[in-house]
Amino acid sequence: MSHITSMLETYPKDLGGIDRQKLAECIAACFECAQTCTACADACLSEDMVAELTKCIRTNLDCADICATTGNILSRHTGYDANITQAVLAACAAACKRCADECERHADMHAHCRVCAEACRRCENACNELLESLGRGTTE
């Protein structure tokens, strides 16, 4: 059992009808994606052809910031606002989709971009699954 799951299980108030497993998976995917995107941007900066990776670096850093913020927001439950949560999840899924699309353009040449694209797709899917469980469709 992860610490994320443990924290959700020990939360002193009722979390309502939210699917705790999907929530825990989404939080984990967000933080993992944030770390992976940050590492990918750093790896891109170390490539000889760094100028050709400018858009990838920017997309990585934007996605990392959005994913980290989403993970933090999903970890807070006091005064929960479903509208904010849904908007943040939709934004995170969209950022992950854009980042995965960009990284996939470079994946054949840079393994770190392939890894990053995989993490972004996982996070995009986790956000969309949580959104769907909250009664709102996916961002596609």
N, C-alpha and C. Protein backbone atom coordinates (compact mmCIF):
# COMPACT_ATOMS: atom_id res chain seq x y z
N MET A 1 0.85 -1.17 0.00
CA MET A 1 0.00 0.00 0.00
C MET A 1 0.90 1.24 0.00
N SER A 2 0.54 2.21 -0.82
CA SER A 2 1.34 3.43 -0.92
C SER A 2 0.97 4.40 0.20
N HIS A 3 1.83 5.37 0.41
CA HIS A 3 1.53 6.41 1.39
C HIS A 3 0.33 7.24 0.95
N ILE A 4 0.17 7.40 -0.35
CA ILE A 4 -1.00 8.13 -0.86
C ILE A 4 -2.27 7.42 -0.42
N THR A 5 -2.32 6.13 -0.63
CA THR A 5 -3.49 5.33 -0.23
C THR A 5 -3.68 5.38 1.27
N SER A 6 -2.59 5.26 2.02
CA SER A 6 -2.68 5.32 3.48
C SER A 6 -3.26 6.64 3.95
N MET A 7 -2.83 7.73 3.34
CA MET A 7 -3.35 9.03 3.74
C MET A 7 -4.83 9.16 3.42
N LEU A 8 -5.25 8.65 2.28
CA LEU A 8 -6.67 8.70 1.92
C LEU A 8 -7.51 7.86 2.88
N GLU A 9 -6.98 6.71 3.28
CA GLU A 9 -7.71 5.82 4.19
C GLU A 9 -7.78 6.37 5.60
N THR A 10 -6.82 7.18 5.98
CA THR A 10 -6.81 7.71 7.34
C THR A 10 -7.40 9.11 7.44
N TYR A 11 -7.90 9.64 6.33
CA TYR A 11 -8.51 10.97 6.35
C TYR A 11 -9.70 10.95 7.31
N PRO A 12 -9.78 11.90 8.24
CA PRO A 12 -10.79 11.83 9.30
C PRO A 12 -12.23 12.08 8.87
N LYS A 13 -12.44 12.65 7.71
CA LYS A 13 -13.80 12.94 7.24
C LYS A 13 -14.13 12.04 6.06
N ASP A 14 -15.39 12.00 5.72
CA ASP A 14 -15.85 11.24 4.56
C ASP A 14 -15.41 11.97 3.29
N LEU A 15 -14.90 11.24 2.33
CA LEU A 15 -14.47 11.83 1.07
C LEU A 15 -15.62 11.88 0.06
N GLY A 16 -16.80 11.51 0.49
CA GLY A 16 -17.94 11.52 -0.43
C GLY A 16 -17.89 10.32 -1.35
N GLY A 17 -18.43 10.47 -2.51
CA GLY A 17 -18.52 9.35 -3.44
C GLY A 17 -17.32 9.17 -4.33
N ILE A 18 -16.22 9.83 -4.03
CA ILE A 18 -15.05 9.74 -4.90
C ILE A 18 -14.42 8.34 -4.83
N ASP A 19 -14.01 7.84 -5.96
CA ASP A 19 -13.35 6.54 -6.06
C ASP A 19 -11.93 6.70 -5.52
N ARG A 20 -11.68 6.19 -4.34
CA ARG A 20 -10.38 6.38 -3.68
C ARG A 20 -9.23 5.77 -4.48
N GLN A 21 -9.48 4.64 -5.11
CA GLN A 21 -8.42 4.00 -5.90
C GLN A 21 -8.05 4.87 -7.09
N LYS A 22 -9.03 5.38 -7.81
CA LYS A 22 -8.76 6.26 -8.95
C LYS A 22 -8.09 7.55 -8.49
N LEU A 23 -8.52 8.06 -7.34
CA LEU A 23 -7.90 9.27 -6.79
C LEU A 23 -6.44 9.02 -6.47
N ALA A 24 -6.15 7.92 -5.78
CA ALA A 24 -4.77 7.59 -5.42
C ALA A 24 -3.92 7.37 -6.67
N GLU A 25 -4.46 6.69 -7.65
CA GLU A 25 -3.72 6.46 -8.89
C GLU A 25 -3.45 7.77 -9.62
N CYS A 26 -4.39 8.67 -9.60
CA CYS A 26 -4.22 9.95 -10.27
C CYS A 26 -3.18 10.81 -9.56
N ILE A 27 -3.24 10.85 -8.24
CA ILE A 27 -2.24 11.62 -7.48
C ILE A 27 -0.84 11.08 -7.78
N ALA A 28 -0.68 9.77 -7.74
CA ALA A 28 0.63 9.15 -8.00
C ALA A 28 1.08 9.45 -9.43
N ALA A 29 0.17 9.34 -10.39
CA ALA A 29 0.53 9.60 -11.79
C ALA A 29 0.93 11.05 -11.98
N CYS A 30 0.25 11.96 -11.31
CA CYS A 30 0.59 13.39 -11.43
C CYS A 30 1.99 13.68 -10.91
N PHE A 31 2.30 13.17 -9.72
CA PHE A 31 3.63 13.45 -9.16
C PHE A 31 4.73 12.76 -9.97
N GLU A 32 4.47 11.54 -10.43
CA GLU A 32 5.45 10.84 -11.25
C GLU A 32 5.67 11.58 -12.57
N CYS A 33 4.60 12.05 -13.17
CA CYS A 33 4.71 12.78 -14.43
C CYS A 33 5.47 14.10 -14.23
N ALA A 34 5.19 14.79 -13.15
CA ALA A 34 5.90 16.05 -12.87
C ALA A 34 7.41 15.80 -12.78
N GLN A 35 7.80 14.76 -12.08
CA GLN A 35 9.22 14.44 -11.94
C GLN A 35 9.82 14.04 -13.29
N THR A 36 9.10 13.21 -14.03
CA THR A 36 9.60 12.73 -15.31
C THR A 36 9.74 13.88 -16.31
N CYS A 37 8.77 14.76 -16.35
CA CYS A 37 8.84 15.92 -17.26
C CYS A 37 10.00 16.83 -16.90
N THR A 38 10.23 17.05 -15.62
CA THR A 38 11.35 17.88 -15.19
C THR A 38 12.67 17.25 -15.61
N ALA A 39 12.78 15.94 -15.42
CA ALA A 39 14.00 15.22 -15.79
C ALA A 39 14.19 15.22 -17.31
N CYS A 40 13.10 15.10 -18.05
CA CYS A 40 13.19 15.11 -19.51
C CYS A 40 13.66 16.48 -20.00
N ALA A 41 13.11 17.54 -19.44
CA ALA A 41 13.55 18.89 -19.82
C ALA A 41 15.04 19.05 -19.55
N ASP A 42 15.50 18.56 -18.41
CA ASP A 42 16.91 18.65 -18.07
C ASP A 42 17.76 17.83 -19.05
N ALA A 43 17.27 16.64 -19.40
CA ALA A 43 18.00 15.81 -20.36
C ALA A 43 18.05 16.49 -21.73
N CYS A 44 16.95 17.11 -22.13
CA CYS A 44 16.93 17.84 -23.40
C CYS A 44 17.98 18.94 -23.41
N LEU A 45 18.14 19.62 -22.28
CA LEU A 45 19.13 20.69 -22.18
C LEU A 45 20.56 20.16 -22.32
N SER A 46 20.75 18.87 -22.09
CA SER A 46 22.08 18.27 -22.20
C SER A 46 22.35 17.71 -23.60
N GLU A 47 21.35 17.72 -24.46
CA GLU A 47 21.53 17.21 -25.82
C GLU A 47 22.32 18.21 -26.66
N ASP A 48 23.08 17.69 -27.63
CA ASP A 48 23.84 18.55 -28.53
C ASP A 48 22.93 19.44 -29.36
N MET A 49 21.76 18.95 -29.72
CA MET A 49 20.83 19.70 -30.57
C MET A 49 19.76 20.40 -29.74
N VAL A 50 20.16 21.02 -28.65
CA VAL A 50 19.23 21.61 -27.70
C VAL A 50 18.31 22.64 -28.35
N ALA A 51 18.80 23.38 -29.31
CA ALA A 51 17.97 24.40 -29.96
C ALA A 51 16.75 23.79 -30.64
N GLU A 52 16.87 22.58 -31.12
CA GLU A 52 15.75 21.90 -31.79
C GLU A 52 14.76 21.33 -30.78
N LEU A 53 15.10 21.37 -29.51
CA LEU A 53 14.25 20.80 -28.46
C LEU A 53 13.58 21.88 -27.60
N THR A 54 13.65 23.12 -28.04
CA THR A 54 13.10 24.23 -27.25
C THR A 54 11.63 24.02 -26.92
N LYS A 55 10.82 23.66 -27.91
CA LYS A 55 9.39 23.44 -27.67
C LYS A 55 9.17 22.27 -26.72
N CYS A 56 9.96 21.24 -26.86
CA CYS A 56 9.85 20.07 -25.98
C CYS A 56 10.18 20.47 -24.54
N ILE A 57 11.23 21.23 -24.36
CA ILE A 57 11.63 21.67 -23.02
C ILE A 57 10.52 22.50 -22.39
N ARG A 58 10.01 23.45 -23.13
CA ARG A 58 8.94 24.32 -22.62
C ARG A 58 7.71 23.50 -22.26
N THR A 59 7.33 22.58 -23.13
CA THR A 59 6.16 21.73 -22.89
C THR A 59 6.39 20.86 -21.66
N ASN A 60 7.59 20.32 -21.53
CA ASN A 60 7.94 19.52 -20.35
C ASN A 60 7.77 20.32 -19.07
N LEU A 61 8.30 21.53 -19.06
CA LEU A 61 8.26 22.34 -17.84
C LEU A 61 6.84 22.79 -17.50
N ASP A 62 6.07 23.14 -18.52
CA ASP A 62 4.66 23.50 -18.28
C ASP A 62 3.89 22.31 -17.72
N CYS A 63 4.10 21.15 -18.33
CA CYS A 63 3.41 19.95 -17.88
C CYS A 63 3.82 19.59 -16.46
N ALA A 64 5.11 19.70 -16.16
CA ALA A 64 5.59 19.38 -14.80
C ALA A 64 4.92 20.27 -13.77
N ASP A 65 4.82 21.56 -14.05
CA ASP A 65 4.18 22.48 -13.11
C ASP A 65 2.70 22.17 -12.92
N ILE A 66 2.01 21.90 -14.02
CA ILE A 66 0.58 21.61 -13.94
C ILE A 66 0.34 20.29 -13.22
N CYS A 67 1.15 19.29 -13.50
CA CYS A 67 0.97 17.99 -12.83
C CYS A 67 1.24 18.09 -11.33
N ALA A 68 2.29 18.79 -10.95
CA ALA A 68 2.61 18.93 -9.52
C ALA A 68 1.48 19.66 -8.80
N THR A 69 0.98 20.72 -9.42
CA THR A 69 -0.13 21.47 -8.82
C THR A 69 -1.37 20.60 -8.71
N THR A 70 -1.66 19.83 -9.74
CA THR A 70 -2.82 18.94 -9.72
C THR A 70 -2.69 17.92 -8.61
N GLY A 71 -1.52 17.32 -8.48
CA GLY A 71 -1.30 16.34 -7.41
C GLY A 71 -1.52 16.95 -6.04
N ASN A 72 -1.06 18.18 -5.87
CA ASN A 72 -1.25 18.87 -4.58
C ASN A 72 -2.73 19.16 -4.33
N ILE A 73 -3.43 19.66 -5.34
CA ILE A 73 -4.85 19.97 -5.18
C ILE A 73 -5.65 18.71 -4.88
N LEU A 74 -5.33 17.61 -5.57
CA LEU A 74 -6.05 16.35 -5.33
C LEU A 74 -5.78 15.78 -3.94
N SER A 75 -4.67 16.19 -3.34
CA SER A 75 -4.31 15.69 -2.01
C SER A 75 -5.03 16.43 -0.89
N ARG A 76 -5.68 17.54 -1.22
CA ARG A 76 -6.40 18.33 -0.21
C ARG A 76 -7.89 18.07 -0.33
N HIS A 77 -8.55 17.87 0.82
CA HIS A 77 -9.97 17.51 0.80
C HIS A 77 -10.84 18.45 1.64
N THR A 78 -10.24 19.23 2.51
CA THR A 78 -11.02 20.15 3.32
C THR A 78 -11.57 21.25 2.43
N GLY A 79 -12.86 21.49 2.49
CA GLY A 79 -13.49 22.52 1.68
C GLY A 79 -13.50 22.17 0.20
N TYR A 80 -13.55 20.89 -0.10
CA TYR A 80 -13.51 20.36 -1.47
C TYR A 80 -14.50 21.08 -2.38
N ASP A 81 -14.03 21.47 -3.56
CA ASP A 81 -14.87 22.11 -4.57
C ASP A 81 -14.75 21.29 -5.86
N ALA A 82 -15.81 20.56 -6.19
CA ALA A 82 -15.80 19.66 -7.35
C ALA A 82 -15.52 20.41 -8.65
N ASN A 83 -16.02 21.63 -8.78
CA ASN A 83 -15.80 22.39 -10.02
C ASN A 83 -14.33 22.71 -10.24
N ILE A 84 -13.64 23.09 -9.18
CA ILE A 84 -12.21 23.38 -9.29
C ILE A 84 -11.45 22.10 -9.60
N THR A 85 -11.78 21.03 -8.89
CA THR A 85 -11.10 19.76 -9.12
C THR A 85 -11.28 19.31 -10.57
N GLN A 86 -12.48 19.40 -11.08
CA GLN A 86 -12.71 18.98 -12.47
C GLN A 86 -11.96 19.86 -13.46
N ALA A 87 -11.92 21.15 -13.22
CA ALA A 87 -11.19 22.06 -14.12
C ALA A 87 -9.69 21.76 -14.10
N VAL A 88 -9.16 21.51 -12.91
CA VAL A 88 -7.73 21.21 -12.78
C VAL A 88 -7.41 19.88 -13.46
N LEU A 89 -8.26 18.88 -13.26
CA LEU A 89 -8.04 17.59 -13.91
C LEU A 89 -8.07 17.72 -15.43
N ALA A 90 -9.01 18.49 -15.94
CA ALA A 90 -9.10 18.69 -17.39
C ALA A 90 -7.85 19.39 -17.92
N ALA A 91 -7.38 20.40 -17.20
CA ALA A 91 -6.17 21.12 -17.61
C ALA A 91 -4.95 20.19 -17.57
N CYS A 92 -4.87 19.37 -16.55
CA CYS A 92 -3.74 18.45 -16.43
C CYS A 92 -3.76 17.43 -17.56
N ALA A 93 -4.91 16.87 -17.85
CA ALA A 93 -5.02 15.91 -18.94
C ALA A 93 -4.61 16.55 -20.26
N ALA A 94 -5.04 17.78 -20.49
CA ALA A 94 -4.70 18.49 -21.72
C ALA A 94 -3.19 18.75 -21.81
N ALA A 95 -2.58 19.18 -20.71
CA ALA A 95 -1.13 19.43 -20.70
C ALA A 95 -0.36 18.15 -20.95
N CYS A 96 -0.81 17.06 -20.33
CA CYS A 96 -0.14 15.77 -20.52
C CYS A 96 -0.26 15.30 -21.96
N LYS A 97 -1.42 15.51 -22.57
CA LYS A 97 -1.60 15.12 -23.97
C LYS A 97 -0.64 15.90 -24.86
N ARG A 98 -0.55 17.21 -24.66
CA ARG A 98 0.34 18.05 -25.48
C ARG A 98 1.80 17.64 -25.29
N CYS A 99 2.16 17.39 -24.04
CA CYS A 99 3.55 17.02 -23.75
C CYS A 99 3.87 15.64 -24.35
N ALA A 100 2.97 14.70 -24.20
CA ALA A 100 3.20 13.36 -24.79
C ALA A 100 3.32 13.46 -26.30
N ASP A 101 2.45 14.24 -26.92
CA ASP A 101 2.52 14.42 -28.38
C ASP A 101 3.87 14.99 -28.79
N GLU A 102 4.34 16.01 -28.07
CA GLU A 102 5.63 16.63 -28.39
C GLU A 102 6.78 15.67 -28.16
N CYS A 103 6.77 14.99 -27.02
CA CYS A 103 7.87 14.06 -26.72
C CYS A 103 7.90 12.89 -27.70
N GLU A 104 6.74 12.45 -28.15
CA GLU A 104 6.71 11.35 -29.12
C GLU A 104 7.38 11.74 -30.44
N ARG A 105 7.39 13.01 -30.76
CA ARG A 105 8.08 13.49 -31.97
C ARG A 105 9.59 13.25 -31.89
N HIS A 106 10.11 13.18 -30.67
CA HIS A 106 11.56 13.04 -30.47
C HIS A 106 11.94 11.66 -29.91
N ALA A 107 10.97 10.80 -29.70
CA ALA A 107 11.20 9.54 -28.98
C ALA A 107 12.15 8.59 -29.70
N ASP A 108 12.16 8.61 -31.02
CA ASP A 108 13.06 7.72 -31.75
C ASP A 108 14.52 8.11 -31.57
N MET A 109 14.76 9.40 -31.35
CA MET A 109 16.13 9.88 -31.22
C MET A 109 16.58 10.01 -29.76
N HIS A 110 15.61 10.25 -28.85
CA HIS A 110 15.96 10.49 -27.45
C HIS A 110 15.11 9.60 -26.54
N ALA A 111 15.74 8.65 -25.90
CA ALA A 111 15.02 7.70 -25.04
C ALA A 111 14.29 8.41 -23.90
N HIS A 112 14.86 9.50 -23.39
CA HIS A 112 14.21 10.21 -22.29
C HIS A 112 12.87 10.78 -22.74
N CYS A 113 12.75 11.16 -24.00
CA CYS A 113 11.47 11.66 -24.52
C CYS A 113 10.45 10.52 -24.61
N ARG A 114 10.89 9.33 -24.95
CA ARG A 114 9.99 8.17 -24.98
C ARG A 114 9.45 7.89 -23.59
N VAL A 115 10.33 7.88 -22.60
CA VAL A 115 9.92 7.63 -21.21
C VAL A 115 8.95 8.71 -20.75
N CYS A 116 9.25 9.94 -21.09
CA CYS A 116 8.39 11.05 -20.68
C CYS A 116 7.01 10.95 -21.33
N ALA A 117 6.98 10.61 -22.60
CA ALA A 117 5.69 10.46 -23.30
C ALA A 117 4.85 9.39 -22.62
N GLU A 118 5.48 8.29 -22.21
CA GLU A 118 4.75 7.21 -21.51
C GLU A 118 4.17 7.71 -20.19
N ALA A 119 4.96 8.46 -19.43
CA ALA A 119 4.48 8.98 -18.14
C ALA A 119 3.33 9.97 -18.36
N CYS A 120 3.45 10.78 -19.40
CA CYS A 120 2.39 11.75 -19.70
C CYS A 120 1.10 11.05 -20.11
N ARG A 121 1.20 10.01 -20.92
CA ARG A 121 -0.01 9.27 -21.32
C ARG A 121 -0.67 8.63 -20.10
N ARG A 122 0.15 8.08 -19.21
CA ARG A 122 -0.39 7.46 -17.99
C ARG A 122 -1.14 8.50 -17.16
N CYS A 123 -0.56 9.67 -17.01
CA CYS A 123 -1.18 10.73 -16.22
C CYS A 123 -2.44 11.25 -16.92
N GLU A 124 -2.36 11.44 -18.22
CA GLU A 124 -3.54 11.87 -18.98
C GLU A 124 -4.69 10.91 -18.76
N ASN A 125 -4.40 9.62 -18.87
CA ASN A 125 -5.44 8.59 -18.69
C ASN A 125 -5.98 8.60 -17.26
N ALA A 126 -5.09 8.74 -16.28
CA ALA A 126 -5.53 8.76 -14.88
C ALA A 126 -6.43 9.96 -14.61
N CYS A 127 -6.08 11.11 -15.15
CA CYS A 127 -6.92 12.31 -14.97
C CYS A 127 -8.27 12.11 -15.63
N ASN A 128 -8.28 11.58 -16.84
CA ASN A 128 -9.54 11.35 -17.54
C ASN A 128 -10.41 10.32 -16.84
N GLU A 129 -9.79 9.28 -16.29
CA GLU A 129 -10.56 8.26 -15.56
C GLU A 129 -11.17 8.85 -14.29
N LEU A 130 -10.41 9.66 -13.58
CA LEU A 130 -10.94 10.29 -12.38
C LEU A 130 -12.05 11.28 -12.75
N LEU A 131 -11.84 12.05 -13.80
CA LEU A 131 -12.88 12.97 -14.27
C LEU A 131 -14.17 12.21 -14.60
N GLU A 132 -14.02 11.11 -15.30
CA GLU A 132 -15.18 10.30 -15.67
C GLU A 132 -15.90 9.77 -14.44
N SER A 133 -15.14 9.35 -13.43
CA SER A 133 -15.75 8.82 -12.20
C SER A 133 -16.45 9.92 -11.41
N LEU A 134 -16.04 11.17 -11.64
CA LEU A 134 -16.69 12.30 -10.98
C LEU A 134 -17.92 12.78 -11.74
N GLY A 135 -18.20 12.12 -12.85
CA GLY A 135 -19.41 12.45 -13.60
C GLY A 135 -19.20 13.40 -14.75
N ARG A 136 -17.94 13.64 -15.09
CA ARG A 136 -17.65 14.52 -16.21
C ARG A 136 -16.85 13.73 -17.24
N GLY A 137 -17.13 13.91 -18.49
CA GLY A 137 -16.45 13.18 -19.55
C GLY A 137 -14.99 13.53 -19.66
N THR A 138 -14.29 12.82 -20.52
CA THR A 138 -12.87 13.05 -20.72
C THR A 138 -12.64 14.29 -21.54
N THR A 139 -11.38 14.68 -21.64
CA THR A 139 -11.01 15.93 -22.30
C THR A 139 -10.76 15.76 -23.79
N GLU A 140 -11.01 14.63 -24.35
CA GLU A 140 -10.68 14.41 -25.75
C GLU A 140 -11.61 15.06 -26.70
